[in-house]
Amino acid sequence: MNKLVIFIVTLITSISFIPGNLFAGGGDEQILQIGLDDAIRMAIDTSEELRIRDRQVDKSEGAYRQARAGMMPHIDAQYMYLYNVDYPSSMKLGDYDSVTGITASQVIWSFGKIMHAVDSASKAIDARRYDREAGKQEVIYTAKLSYFTGLLARKTLSITESSYGNALENKKLLAQRSYGGGGSKYEILRMDTEVAARVPTVNEARAQSGTATETLKKVIGEESSRGVDLTEDFKEEYGELDYEKLVSAMYDHEPSLKSLEKYMESAEANVKSKNASFLPTVSGFTSWNNIAAPSDSTLNGNETGSYTFAGIKISIPIWEGGEKQAQLRQARMDKEITILQKKQLEKNLLLALKKAVLEYRQYRANLTANIEAVRLAGESFKQTQEMFASGQVDLTDLNDAELLLTNQRLNKEMTLFNINVTIAKIEKLIAGHYERENANGKI
């Protein structure tokens, strides 16, 4: 029995020294480690909005093929079975006839009606593709915003936990002073209150971190219950921006503007097509028909017969109840609406870009002050702790120094968050082309 007890104790002792990661069971596999680029890629791959826009592009391509079909030959086959109810006796028809035929037609000239319709449909495809790119930029911005929000929540939780740790350290200093006769019951109660007050703050920060993580998982299409570890951090340094270059990049690459430009071209071509619909359409055609008559018919002296003809048809619209006039007016209104939308969008985008650049410059200047404030607040807190331990300052000074440090650290992280969100806005407005055009001044 004693040998069994000794064996069990020895086994437990041996197990206690086995590295913990051997029992993790692939615990790291339960954590999704992603960087910013990974989050963007996953968000693009799983975006339903982009799939919808892909289908809209396909729909526009179908409309283009439909318009282009008007330029191609049209071939029809037909079969008729006739019952001759009443006819002059001189025709000498039978009671029944059947007619089989094939007809081919080709538009020769339509004064641009079909050509401009095809051009309009082609421009609409380009517009839809730019719409798809605009949707992609929105998905990228949303992924960045979610990632930065997750980083901020993680930093906030770390700072609040550090603040709680500082409060516990201050409590130890107070206990040492009280042990030496330098503390009072009031100070002990006050210190306990400070420690307790930080617990809800830590819990709230932890809840916000969890919420930010779940939001990011939704954006990137991660449906499992595993946690997420963000592998990238905010940068500490940011360069100056060239506003004029940004404006130029926006006009050159912003997909919503490019889309409206193509819609304008499409609307212009559609107006030309509707104008041409008032003019004649010239078509060529040919037809082959075969008539099969019963034996009691004397049509052409044969029971069966075939004939072929060809010709040119000129179709001239004279009166259609105002249908073409209404279509032309709608096309012109579509063109004017697109022009106004483009002007409106240019103003809004330019204002958004200017505000973003001004905010970026302000946050960038704030960051320098924040970094210095955190450094000074850290030194002040350490010095205040030393002075408190020696009885040179009271508990209020110590708590104020700790809160100052915590607030300055939070302010710095908020500034970093604002800088990166502002950069994401700017990159969305210029479709991410600033870095490629200005390699020495990356955002």
Protein backbone atom coordinates (compact mmCIF):
# COMPACT_ATOMS: atom_id res chain seq x y z
CA MET A 1 0.00 0.00 0.00
CA ASN A 2 2.80 2.38 0.89
CA LYS A 3 4.50 1.60 -2.42
CA LEU A 4 1.28 2.51 -4.28
CA VAL A 5 1.00 5.83 -2.45
CA ILE A 6 4.65 6.61 -3.19
CA PHE A 7 4.09 5.77 -6.91
CA ILE A 8 1.06 8.06 -7.16
CA VAL A 9 2.86 10.95 -5.45
CA THR A 10 5.86 10.47 -7.73
CA LEU A 11 3.61 10.43 -10.83
CA ILE A 12 1.78 13.60 -9.80
CA THR A 13 5.07 15.35 -9.08
CA SER A 14 6.45 14.34 -12.48
CA ILE A 15 3.33 15.57 -14.27
CA SER A 16 3.53 18.93 -12.53
CA PHE A 17 6.91 19.54 -14.17
CA ILE A 18 5.75 18.75 -17.72
CA PRO A 19 5.60 21.95 -19.82
CA GLY A 20 2.09 23.29 -19.96
CA ASN A 21 2.10 23.69 -23.74
CA LEU A 22 2.15 19.90 -24.10
CA PHE A 23 -1.34 19.87 -22.59
CA ALA A 24 -2.56 22.82 -24.63
CA GLY A 25 -3.90 20.33 -27.14
CA GLY A 26 -3.19 22.77 -29.94
CA GLY A 27 -4.60 25.62 -27.90
CA ASP A 28 -3.01 28.07 -30.30
CA GLU A 29 -5.24 26.60 -32.97
CA GLN A 30 -8.19 28.02 -31.07
CA ILE A 31 -6.86 31.54 -31.58
CA LEU A 32 -7.15 33.22 -34.99
CA GLN A 33 -4.06 35.37 -35.49
CA ILE A 34 -4.60 38.01 -38.16
CA GLY A 35 -2.93 41.19 -39.32
CA LEU A 36 -4.60 44.13 -41.01
CA ASP A 37 -3.98 42.77 -44.52
CA ASP A 38 -5.43 39.41 -43.50
CA ALA A 39 -8.57 41.09 -42.17
CA ILE A 40 -9.00 43.05 -45.41
CA ARG A 41 -8.54 39.95 -47.57
CA MET A 42 -11.00 37.90 -45.52
CA ALA A 43 -13.56 40.72 -45.55
CA ILE A 44 -13.34 40.96 -49.36
CA ASP A 45 -13.58 37.19 -49.82
CA THR A 46 -16.72 36.89 -47.68
CA SER A 47 -18.54 40.11 -48.60
CA GLU A 48 -22.11 39.58 -49.83
CA GLU A 49 -22.17 43.17 -51.06
CA LEU A 50 -19.37 42.49 -53.52
CA ARG A 51 -21.14 39.37 -54.75
CA ILE A 52 -24.26 41.45 -55.37
CA ARG A 53 -22.25 43.98 -57.34
CA ASP A 54 -20.66 41.18 -59.34
CA ARG A 55 -24.14 40.04 -60.35
CA GLN A 56 -25.01 43.63 -61.31
CA VAL A 57 -22.00 43.66 -63.63
CA ASP A 58 -23.19 40.39 -65.16
CA LYS A 59 -26.64 41.90 -65.63
CA SER A 60 -25.15 44.90 -67.45
CA GLU A 61 -23.18 42.57 -69.70
CA GLY A 62 -26.44 40.81 -70.57
CA ALA A 63 -28.02 44.15 -71.51
CA TYR A 64 -25.00 44.88 -73.71
CA ARG A 65 -25.34 41.57 -75.54
CA GLN A 66 -29.04 42.27 -76.02
CA ALA A 67 -28.32 45.68 -77.58
CA ARG A 68 -25.56 44.25 -79.77
CA ALA A 69 -27.94 41.60 -81.08
CA GLY A 70 -29.69 44.34 -83.07
CA MET A 71 -26.60 44.57 -85.30
CA MET A 72 -26.62 40.85 -86.11
CA PRO A 73 -28.68 38.94 -88.73
CA HIS A 74 -32.00 37.57 -87.52
CA ILE A 75 -33.20 34.23 -88.89
CA ASP A 76 -36.72 32.94 -88.30
CA ALA A 77 -38.40 29.68 -89.25
CA GLN A 78 -42.16 29.33 -89.51
CA TYR A 79 -44.78 26.71 -90.25
CA MET A 80 -48.45 27.34 -91.01
CA TYR A 81 -51.29 24.87 -91.50
CA LEU A 82 -54.18 26.54 -93.34
CA TYR A 83 -57.84 25.58 -93.63
CA ASN A 84 -59.28 27.33 -96.64
CA VAL A 85 -62.79 28.16 -95.49
CA ASP A 86 -63.89 30.34 -98.39
CA TYR A 87 -62.07 31.33 -101.57
CA PRO A 88 -62.92 32.19 -105.19
CA SER A 89 -63.43 29.15 -107.35
CA SER A 90 -60.94 30.50 -109.85
CA MET A 91 -58.11 29.91 -107.36
CA LYS A 92 -58.87 26.18 -107.40
CA LEU A 93 -57.48 25.59 -103.94
CA GLY A 94 -58.00 22.50 -101.86
CA ASP A 95 -59.45 22.51 -98.38
CA TYR A 96 -56.07 22.40 -96.62
CA ASP A 97 -52.60 23.86 -97.26
CA SER A 98 -49.38 23.93 -95.22
CA VAL A 99 -46.65 26.53 -95.55
CA THR A 100 -43.05 26.13 -94.30
CA GLY A 101 -40.58 29.00 -94.55
CA ILE A 102 -37.30 30.51 -93.43
CA THR A 103 -36.73 34.28 -93.34
CA ALA A 104 -33.46 36.12 -92.75
CA SER A 105 -33.18 39.87 -92.12
CA GLN A 106 -30.33 42.26 -91.48
CA VAL A 107 -30.37 45.93 -90.49
CA ILE A 108 -28.32 47.82 -93.05
CA TRP A 109 -28.57 51.38 -91.74
CA SER A 110 -30.37 52.89 -88.74
CA PHE A 111 -28.69 56.31 -88.60
CA GLY A 112 -26.88 55.31 -85.37
CA LYS A 113 -29.89 54.05 -83.39
CA ILE A 114 -28.41 50.60 -82.79
CA MET A 115 -24.77 51.69 -82.72
CA HIS A 116 -25.40 54.29 -80.01
CA ALA A 117 -27.54 51.83 -78.04
CA VAL A 118 -24.64 49.37 -78.05
CA ASP A 119 -22.24 52.13 -77.00
CA SER A 120 -24.58 53.13 -74.16
CA ALA A 121 -24.76 49.55 -72.91
CA SER A 122 -20.97 49.21 -73.09
CA LYS A 123 -20.45 52.35 -71.00
CA ALA A 124 -23.00 51.05 -68.48
CA ILE A 125 -20.84 47.93 -67.99
CA ASP A 126 -17.82 50.13 -67.21
CA ALA A 127 -19.93 52.13 -64.76
CA ARG A 128 -21.03 48.97 -62.98
CA ARG A 129 -17.44 47.80 -62.69
CA TYR A 130 -16.50 51.08 -61.03
CA ASP A 131 -19.50 50.63 -58.73
CA ARG A 132 -18.05 47.27 -57.80
CA GLU A 133 -14.70 48.90 -57.05
CA ALA A 134 -16.44 51.52 -54.90
CA GLY A 135 -18.08 48.69 -52.96
CA LYS A 136 -14.70 47.05 -52.53
CA GLN A 137 -13.22 50.25 -51.11
CA GLU A 138 -16.12 50.45 -48.66
CA VAL A 139 -15.50 46.86 -47.55
CA ILE A 140 -11.80 47.64 -47.08
CA TYR A 141 -12.61 50.73 -45.01
CA THR A 142 -15.06 48.76 -42.84
CA ALA A 143 -12.45 46.05 -42.26
CA LYS A 144 -9.84 48.65 -41.26
CA LEU A 145 -12.28 50.42 -38.96
CA SER A 146 -13.20 47.15 -37.25
CA TYR A 147 -9.54 46.17 -36.90
CA PHE A 148 -8.55 49.55 -35.43
CA THR A 149 -11.53 49.44 -33.08
CA GLY A 150 -10.36 46.03 -31.89
CA LEU A 151 -6.85 47.38 -31.33
CA LEU A 152 -8.17 50.35 -29.37
CA ALA A 153 -10.37 48.11 -27.23
CA ARG A 154 -7.43 45.81 -26.54
CA LYS A 155 -5.20 48.76 -25.61
CA THR A 156 -7.90 50.25 -23.40
CA LEU A 157 -8.29 46.96 -21.56
CA SER A 158 -4.53 46.72 -21.05
CA ILE A 159 -4.36 50.29 -19.72
CA THR A 160 -7.29 49.83 -17.32
CA GLU A 161 -5.79 46.60 -16.04
CA SER A 162 -2.48 48.41 -15.56
CA SER A 163 -4.32 51.17 -13.69
CA TYR A 164 -5.87 48.55 -11.44
CA GLY A 165 -2.41 47.10 -10.83
CA ASN A 166 -1.08 50.57 -9.98
CA ALA A 167 -3.91 51.02 -7.49
CA LEU A 168 -2.98 47.73 -5.82
CA GLU A 169 0.66 48.83 -5.69
CA ASN A 170 -0.39 52.12 -4.11
CA LYS A 171 -2.40 50.17 -1.57
CA LYS A 172 0.74 48.25 -0.63
CA LEU A 173 2.63 51.50 -0.18
CA LEU A 174 -0.14 52.78 2.06
CA ALA A 175 -0.05 49.56 4.07
CA GLN A 176 3.68 50.03 4.58
CA ARG A 177 3.10 53.59 5.74
CA SER A 178 0.29 52.49 8.06
CA TYR A 179 2.53 49.79 9.49
CA GLY A 180 5.06 52.45 10.30
CA GLY A 181 2.41 54.71 11.79
CA GLY A 182 2.15 56.98 8.76
CA GLY A 183 -1.37 56.10 7.67
CA SER A 184 -4.92 56.54 8.95
CA LYS A 185 -8.14 54.57 8.71
CA TYR A 186 -9.52 57.28 6.42
CA GLU A 187 -6.65 56.82 3.98
CA ILE A 188 -7.05 53.05 4.06
CA LEU A 189 -10.77 53.40 3.33
CA ARG A 190 -10.06 55.90 0.58
CA MET A 191 -7.49 53.59 -1.00
CA ASP A 192 -9.88 50.62 -0.86
CA THR A 193 -12.44 52.80 -2.63
CA GLU A 194 -9.93 53.67 -5.36
CA VAL A 195 -9.16 49.98 -5.92
CA ALA A 196 -12.82 48.98 -5.98
CA ALA A 197 -13.70 51.83 -8.37
CA ARG A 198 -11.32 50.47 -10.99
CA VAL A 199 -12.94 47.04 -11.14
CA PRO A 200 -16.05 48.17 -13.11
CA THR A 201 -13.77 50.09 -15.47
CA VAL A 202 -11.75 46.96 -16.19
CA ASN A 203 -14.92 44.90 -16.65
CA GLU A 204 -16.37 47.47 -19.03
CA ALA A 205 -13.14 47.56 -21.03
CA ARG A 206 -13.15 43.76 -21.20
CA ALA A 207 -16.75 43.76 -22.45
CA GLN A 208 -15.95 46.38 -25.09
CA SER A 209 -12.97 44.34 -26.20
CA GLY A 210 -15.19 41.30 -26.60
CA THR A 211 -17.77 43.27 -28.54
CA ALA A 212 -15.10 44.69 -30.85
CA THR A 213 -13.75 41.19 -31.45
CA GLU A 214 -17.17 39.82 -32.35
CA THR A 215 -17.78 42.74 -34.70
CA LEU A 216 -14.47 42.11 -36.44
CA LYS A 217 -15.28 38.41 -36.76
CA LYS A 218 -18.56 39.29 -38.44
CA VAL A 219 -16.82 41.63 -40.87
CA ILE A 220 -14.23 39.04 -41.89
CA GLY A 221 -16.76 36.20 -42.05
CA GLU A 222 -15.32 34.21 -39.12
CA GLU A 223 -18.19 32.14 -37.73
CA SER A 224 -16.34 29.92 -35.27
CA SER A 225 -16.19 30.56 -31.54
CA ARG A 226 -12.41 30.81 -31.38
CA GLY A 227 -10.75 33.99 -30.19
CA VAL A 228 -8.95 36.55 -32.33
CA ASP A 229 -5.42 37.82 -31.78
CA LEU A 230 -4.50 41.03 -33.61
CA THR A 231 -0.87 40.74 -34.63
CA GLU A 232 -0.32 44.37 -35.69
CA ASP A 233 -0.16 47.50 -33.59
CA PHE A 234 -0.54 51.21 -34.23
CA LYS A 235 2.53 52.89 -35.64
CA GLU A 236 4.17 55.63 -33.59
CA GLU A 237 5.26 57.87 -36.49
CA TYR A 238 3.28 59.28 -39.40
CA GLY A 239 4.44 61.41 -42.31
CA GLU A 240 3.09 64.63 -43.76
CA LEU A 241 0.48 64.53 -46.54
CA ASP A 242 0.53 66.39 -49.84
CA TYR A 243 -3.02 67.73 -50.13
CA GLU A 244 -2.74 68.70 -53.79
CA LYS A 245 -1.49 65.24 -54.70
CA LEU A 246 -4.36 63.71 -52.76
CA VAL A 247 -6.90 65.85 -54.63
CA SER A 248 -5.36 64.82 -57.93
CA ALA A 249 -5.44 61.15 -56.91
CA MET A 250 -9.08 61.46 -55.88
CA TYR A 251 -10.15 62.86 -59.26
CA ASP A 252 -8.08 60.24 -61.08
CA HIS A 253 -9.04 57.13 -59.11
CA GLU A 254 -12.11 57.59 -56.89
CA PRO A 255 -14.42 54.84 -58.23
CA SER A 256 -17.74 56.56 -57.54
CA LEU A 257 -16.67 59.56 -59.63
CA LYS A 258 -15.38 57.29 -62.40
CA SER A 259 -18.68 55.41 -62.31
CA LEU A 260 -20.72 58.59 -62.76
CA GLU A 261 -18.46 59.64 -65.62
CA LYS A 262 -19.27 56.39 -67.39
CA TYR A 263 -22.97 56.77 -66.60
CA MET A 264 -22.82 60.24 -68.18
CA GLU A 265 -21.25 58.80 -71.33
CA SER A 266 -23.84 56.03 -71.35
CA ALA A 267 -26.68 58.54 -70.97
CA GLU A 268 -25.26 60.70 -73.79
CA ALA A 269 -25.10 57.69 -76.13
CA ASN A 270 -28.65 56.75 -75.14
CA VAL A 271 -29.89 60.24 -76.07
CA LYS A 272 -28.25 59.89 -79.49
CA SER A 273 -29.90 56.50 -79.94
CA LYS A 274 -33.33 57.90 -79.07
CA ASN A 275 -32.81 60.80 -81.46
CA ALA A 276 -31.94 58.36 -84.25
CA SER A 277 -35.14 56.40 -83.60
CA PHE A 278 -37.08 59.20 -85.35
CA LEU A 279 -35.20 58.46 -88.59
CA PRO A 280 -35.82 55.61 -91.08
CA THR A 281 -34.39 52.15 -90.63
CA VAL A 282 -33.14 50.30 -93.71
CA SER A 283 -33.11 46.51 -93.61
CA GLY A 284 -32.41 43.76 -96.10
CA PHE A 285 -34.29 40.49 -96.05
CA THR A 286 -34.73 37.20 -97.91
CA SER A 287 -37.25 34.41 -97.50
CA TRP A 288 -37.79 30.85 -98.72
CA ASN A 289 -41.22 29.24 -98.45
CA ASN A 290 -42.59 25.86 -99.35
CA ILE A 291 -46.32 25.20 -99.86
CA ALA A 292 -47.66 21.68 -99.52
CA ALA A 293 -51.21 21.31 -100.82
CA PRO A 294 -53.46 18.24 -100.81
CA SER A 295 -54.10 16.26 -103.97
CA ASP A 296 -57.41 18.02 -104.72
CA SER A 297 -55.60 21.38 -105.07
CA THR A 298 -54.62 22.68 -108.50
CA LEU A 299 -52.48 25.54 -107.16
CA ASN A 300 -49.77 26.09 -109.74
CA GLY A 301 -50.73 22.73 -111.15
CA ASN A 302 -48.74 20.94 -108.48
CA GLU A 303 -49.39 19.46 -105.11
CA THR A 304 -46.35 21.23 -103.67
CA GLY A 305 -44.32 24.29 -104.57
CA SER A 306 -41.63 26.59 -103.19
CA TYR A 307 -40.61 30.14 -103.84
CA THR A 308 -37.84 32.52 -102.73
CA PHE A 309 -37.74 36.28 -102.61
CA ALA A 310 -35.42 39.02 -101.34
CA GLY A 311 -35.73 42.73 -100.88
CA ILE A 312 -35.02 45.88 -98.94
CA LYS A 313 -37.38 47.33 -96.37
CA ILE A 314 -37.42 50.96 -95.29
CA SER A 315 -39.28 51.60 -92.05
CA ILE A 316 -40.24 55.24 -91.41
CA PRO A 317 -41.88 56.13 -88.08
CA ILE A 318 -44.75 58.56 -88.62
CA TRP A 319 -46.92 58.42 -85.54
CA GLU A 320 -46.68 56.21 -82.46
CA GLY A 321 -48.74 58.18 -79.99
CA GLY A 322 -45.76 60.12 -78.61
CA GLU A 323 -43.88 57.01 -77.45
CA LYS A 324 -40.54 57.98 -78.98
CA GLN A 325 -40.82 61.57 -77.74
CA ALA A 326 -41.39 60.30 -74.20
CA GLN A 327 -38.40 57.95 -74.45
CA LEU A 328 -36.18 60.78 -75.69
CA ARG A 329 -37.26 63.06 -72.85
CA GLN A 330 -36.53 60.34 -70.28
CA ALA A 331 -33.08 59.82 -71.80
CA ARG A 332 -32.32 63.54 -71.60
CA MET A 333 -33.49 63.70 -67.98
CA ASP A 334 -31.30 60.72 -67.12
CA LYS A 335 -28.33 62.56 -68.60
CA GLU A 336 -29.04 65.78 -66.67
CA ILE A 337 -29.56 63.87 -63.42
CA THR A 338 -26.21 62.10 -63.84
CA ILE A 339 -24.43 65.41 -64.50
CA LEU A 340 -25.93 66.94 -61.35
CA GLN A 341 -25.09 63.84 -59.30
CA LYS A 342 -21.47 64.01 -60.42
CA LYS A 343 -21.18 67.70 -59.48
CA GLN A 344 -22.78 67.01 -56.11
CA LEU A 345 -20.49 64.04 -55.45
CA GLU A 346 -17.37 66.02 -56.40
CA LYS A 347 -18.26 68.70 -53.85
CA ASN A 348 -18.98 66.17 -51.11
CA LEU A 349 -15.84 64.14 -51.76
CA LEU A 350 -13.63 67.21 -51.92
CA LEU A 351 -15.06 68.46 -48.62
CA ALA A 352 -14.60 65.03 -47.02
CA LEU A 353 -10.99 64.88 -48.22
CA LYS A 354 -10.18 68.37 -46.96
CA LYS A 355 -11.71 67.65 -43.54
CA ALA A 356 -9.85 64.35 -43.30
CA VAL A 357 -6.49 65.97 -44.12
CA LEU A 358 -7.08 68.75 -41.57
CA GLU A 359 -8.06 66.19 -38.94
CA TYR A 360 -5.02 64.08 -39.77
CA ARG A 361 -2.70 67.04 -39.29
CA GLN A 362 -4.37 67.92 -36.01
CA TYR A 363 -4.19 64.35 -34.67
CA ARG A 364 -0.58 64.06 -35.85
CA ALA A 365 0.33 67.17 -33.86
CA ASN A 366 -1.64 65.85 -30.90
CA LEU A 367 0.28 62.58 -31.01
CA THR A 368 3.57 64.34 -30.40
CA ALA A 369 2.07 66.05 -27.36
CA ASN A 370 0.46 62.80 -26.19
CA ILE A 371 3.74 60.90 -26.31
CA GLU A 372 5.46 63.59 -24.28
CA ALA A 373 2.54 63.77 -21.84
CA VAL A 374 2.68 60.00 -21.26
CA ARG A 375 6.41 60.17 -20.62
CA LEU A 376 6.08 63.03 -18.15
CA ALA A 377 3.05 61.51 -16.44
CA GLY A 378 4.95 58.24 -16.01
CA GLU A 379 7.89 59.98 -14.44
CA SER A 380 5.58 62.05 -12.25
CA PHE A 381 3.75 58.96 -11.04
CA LYS A 382 6.97 57.16 -10.11
CA GLN A 383 8.26 60.22 -8.30
CA THR A 384 4.94 60.68 -6.50
CA GLN A 385 5.04 57.05 -5.35
CA GLU A 386 8.51 57.58 -3.91
CA MET A 387 7.44 60.79 -2.20
CA PHE A 388 4.29 59.12 -0.85
CA ALA A 389 6.35 56.28 0.59
CA SER A 390 8.49 58.84 2.43
CA GLY A 391 5.46 60.83 3.58
CA GLN A 392 6.13 63.94 1.48
CA VAL A 393 2.75 63.84 -0.34
CA ASP A 394 -0.67 62.57 0.67
CA LEU A 395 -2.92 59.92 -0.83
CA THR A 396 -4.82 62.41 -2.99
CA ASP A 397 -1.63 63.43 -4.77
CA LEU A 398 -0.76 59.78 -5.38
CA ASN A 399 -4.19 58.90 -6.81
CA ASP A 400 -4.21 62.04 -8.96
CA ALA A 401 -0.80 61.13 -10.39
CA GLU A 402 -1.98 57.63 -11.25
CA LEU A 403 -5.19 58.83 -12.86
CA LEU A 404 -3.21 61.41 -14.84
CA LEU A 405 -0.95 58.68 -16.19
CA THR A 406 -3.91 56.45 -17.07
CA ASN A 407 -5.78 59.28 -18.82
CA GLN A 408 -2.74 60.32 -20.81
CA ARG A 409 -2.15 56.75 -21.96
CA LEU A 410 -5.81 56.49 -23.00
CA ASN A 411 -5.59 59.83 -24.81
CA LYS A 412 -2.56 58.65 -26.73
CA GLU A 413 -4.26 55.45 -27.87
CA MET A 414 -7.36 57.38 -28.88
CA THR A 415 -5.21 59.74 -30.93
CA LEU A 416 -3.53 56.79 -32.64
CA PHE A 417 -6.95 55.33 -33.36
CA ASN A 418 -8.20 58.61 -34.83
CA ILE A 419 -5.09 58.95 -37.00
CA ASN A 420 -5.48 55.48 -38.47
CA VAL A 421 -9.22 55.85 -39.04
CA THR A 422 -8.60 59.19 -40.77
CA ILE A 423 -5.94 57.58 -42.96
CA ALA A 424 -8.44 54.85 -43.85
CA LYS A 425 -10.95 57.53 -44.89
CA ILE A 426 -8.37 59.22 -47.08
CA GLU A 427 -7.32 55.93 -48.66
CA LYS A 428 -10.96 55.17 -49.46
CA LEU A 429 -11.37 58.58 -51.11
CA ILE A 430 -8.32 58.01 -53.34
CA ALA A 431 -8.83 54.24 -53.77
CA GLY A 432 -5.48 53.58 -52.08
CA HIS A 433 -3.37 55.12 -54.87
CA TYR A 434 -1.40 57.64 -52.80
CA GLU A 435 1.21 55.15 -51.63
CA ARG A 436 1.92 53.91 -55.13
CA GLU A 437 2.31 57.42 -56.51
CA ASN A 438 4.29 58.87 -53.64
CA ALA A 439 6.52 56.11 -52.33
CA ASN A 440 8.63 58.56 -50.31
CA GLY A 441 5.64 59.99 -48.50
CA LYS A 442 3.47 57.04 -47.63
CA ILE A 443 0.42 57.61 -45.55
